[in-house]
Amino acid sequence: MEWIVAVGAFLVVSVLVIGVPLYLATCRWSSRQERRAAEARRRAASAHPAVPSAPAPPRAPSGRRRRAVSR
């Protein structure tokens, strides 16, 4: 019976020691990434050119085309 309590205590301590910091680190990094992305969007929006540039010419569809392989 004692080993069941020991295994349960080990699992609880493992979750607290490993799981909680890992969860907090992932939340922190994702929010930091979102803040940086928002800042980059703000900088890009505020750095518009004084003279509007000409529209870009239409581009050919970009995609890989498969070639038939004859055997």
C-alpha atoms as a PDB file:
ATOM      1  CA  MET A   1       0.000   0.000   0.000  1.00  0.00           C
ATOM      2  CA  GLU A   2       2.862   2.364   0.715  1.00  0.00           C
ATOM      3  CA  TRP A   3       4.221   2.002  -2.797  1.00  0.00           C
ATOM      4  CA  ILE A   4       0.912   3.242  -4.244  1.00  0.00           C
ATOM      5  CA  VAL A   5       1.159   6.377  -2.121  1.00  0.00           C
ATOM      6  CA  ALA A   6       4.825   6.771  -3.104  1.00  0.00           C
ATOM      7  CA  VAL A   7       4.035   6.445  -6.833  1.00  0.00           C
ATOM      8  CA  GLY A   8       1.140   8.907  -6.492  1.00  0.00           C
ATOM      9  CA  ALA A   9       3.325  11.408  -4.654  1.00  0.00           C
ATOM     10  CA  PHE A  10       6.045  10.995  -7.291  1.00  0.00           C
ATOM     11  CA  LEU A  11       3.558  11.697 -10.075  1.00  0.00           C
ATOM     12  CA  VAL A  12       2.177  14.779  -8.331  1.00  0.00           C
ATOM     13  CA  VAL A  13       5.647  16.165  -7.663  1.00  0.00           C
ATOM     14  CA  SER A  14       6.724  15.392 -11.240  1.00  0.00           C
ATOM     15  CA  VAL A  15       3.762  17.280 -12.666  1.00  0.00           C
ATOM     16  CA  LEU A  16       4.424  20.237 -10.394  1.00  0.00           C
ATOM     17  CA  VAL A  17       8.176  20.332 -11.059  1.00  0.00           C
ATOM     18  CA  ILE A  18       8.093  19.636 -14.807  1.00  0.00           C
ATOM     19  CA  GLY A  19       4.600  20.385 -16.082  1.00  0.00           C
ATOM     20  CA  VAL A  20       3.837  23.731 -14.499  1.00  0.00           C
ATOM     21  CA  PRO A  21       7.093  25.480 -15.527  1.00  0.00           C
ATOM     22  CA  LEU A  22       6.776  24.003 -19.019  1.00  0.00           C
ATOM     23  CA  TYR A  23       3.224  25.300 -19.310  1.00  0.00           C
ATOM     24  CA  LEU A  24       4.210  28.748 -18.068  1.00  0.00           C
ATOM     25  CA  ALA A  25       7.179  28.885 -20.441  1.00  0.00           C
ATOM     26  CA  THR A  26       5.036  28.028 -23.469  1.00  0.00           C
ATOM     27  CA  CYS A  27       2.428  30.636 -22.537  1.00  0.00           C
ATOM     28  CA  ARG A  28       5.110  33.255 -21.971  1.00  0.00           C
ATOM     29  CA  TRP A  29       6.906  32.567 -25.234  1.00  0.00           C
ATOM     30  CA  SER A  30       3.720  32.581 -27.282  1.00  0.00           C
ATOM     31  CA  SER A  31       2.620  35.899 -25.823  1.00  0.00           C
ATOM     32  CA  ARG A  32       6.093  37.350 -26.432  1.00  0.00           C
ATOM     33  CA  GLN A  33       5.927  36.169 -30.025  1.00  0.00           C
ATOM     34  CA  GLU A  34       2.513  37.769 -30.447  1.00  0.00           C
ATOM     35  CA  ARG A  35       3.770  41.064 -28.994  1.00  0.00           C
ATOM     36  CA  ARG A  36       6.720  41.084 -31.390  1.00  0.00           C
ATOM     37  CA  ALA A  37       4.473  40.321 -34.354  1.00  0.00           C
ATOM     38  CA  ALA A  38       2.097  43.128 -33.377  1.00  0.00           C
ATOM     39  CA  GLU A  39       5.014  45.544 -33.025  1.00  0.00           C
ATOM     40  CA  ALA A  40       6.321  44.534 -36.454  1.00  0.00           C
ATOM     41  CA  ARG A  41       2.864  45.113 -37.960  1.00  0.00           C
ATOM     42  CA  ARG A  42       2.682  48.550 -36.335  1.00  0.00           C
ATOM     43  CA  ARG A  43       6.109  49.497 -37.674  1.00  0.00           C
ATOM     44  CA  ALA A  44       5.222  48.296 -41.164  1.00  0.00           C
ATOM     45  CA  ALA A  45       1.968  50.241 -41.135  1.00  0.00           C
ATOM     46  CA  SER A  46       3.597  53.446 -39.946  1.00  0.00           C
ATOM     47  CA  ALA A  47       6.466  53.242 -42.453  1.00  0.00           C
ATOM     48  CA  HIS A  48       4.330  53.763 -45.551  1.00  0.00           C
ATOM     49  CA  PRO A  49       6.048  55.491 -48.473  1.00  0.00           C
ATOM     50  CA  ALA A  50       5.261  59.149 -49.220  1.00  0.00           C
ATOM     51  CA  VAL A  51       4.628  58.434 -52.916  1.00  0.00           C
ATOM     52  CA  PRO A  52       2.463  55.435 -53.706  1.00  0.00           C
ATOM     53  CA  SER A  53       4.311  52.929 -55.793  1.00  0.00           C
ATOM     54  CA  ALA A  54       2.969  51.416 -58.989  1.00  0.00           C
ATOM     55  CA  PRO A  55       0.996  48.212 -58.563  1.00  0.00           C
ATOM     56  CA  ALA A  56       3.022  45.067 -58.978  1.00  0.00           C
ATOM     57  CA  PRO A  57       2.601  43.262 -62.294  1.00  0.00           C
ATOM     58  CA  PRO A  58       0.590  40.035 -62.169  1.00  0.00           C
ATOM     59  CA  ARG A  59       2.731  37.039 -61.411  1.00  0.00           C
ATOM     60  CA  ALA A  60       2.598  33.598 -62.889  1.00  0.00           C
ATOM     61  CA  PRO A  61       1.038  31.030 -60.591  1.00  0.00           C
ATOM     62  CA  SER A  62       3.732  29.760 -58.317  1.00  0.00           C
ATOM     63  CA  GLY A  63       3.516  26.098 -57.618  1.00  0.00           C
ATOM     64  CA  ARG A  64       5.364  22.952 -58.331  1.00  0.00           C
ATOM     65  CA  ARG A  65       4.264  21.066 -61.349  1.00  0.00           C
ATOM     66  CA  ARG A  66       4.733  17.353 -61.471  1.00  0.00           C
ATOM     67  CA  ARG A  67       6.219  15.716 -64.464  1.00  0.00           C
ATOM     68  CA  ALA A  68       5.008  12.341 -65.591  1.00  0.00           C
ATOM     69  CA  VAL A  69       7.647   9.719 -65.069  1.00  0.00           C
ATOM     70  CA  SER A  70       7.756   7.067 -67.719  1.00  0.00           C
ATOM     71  CA  ARG A  71       9.026   3.667 -66.713  1.00  0.00           C
END
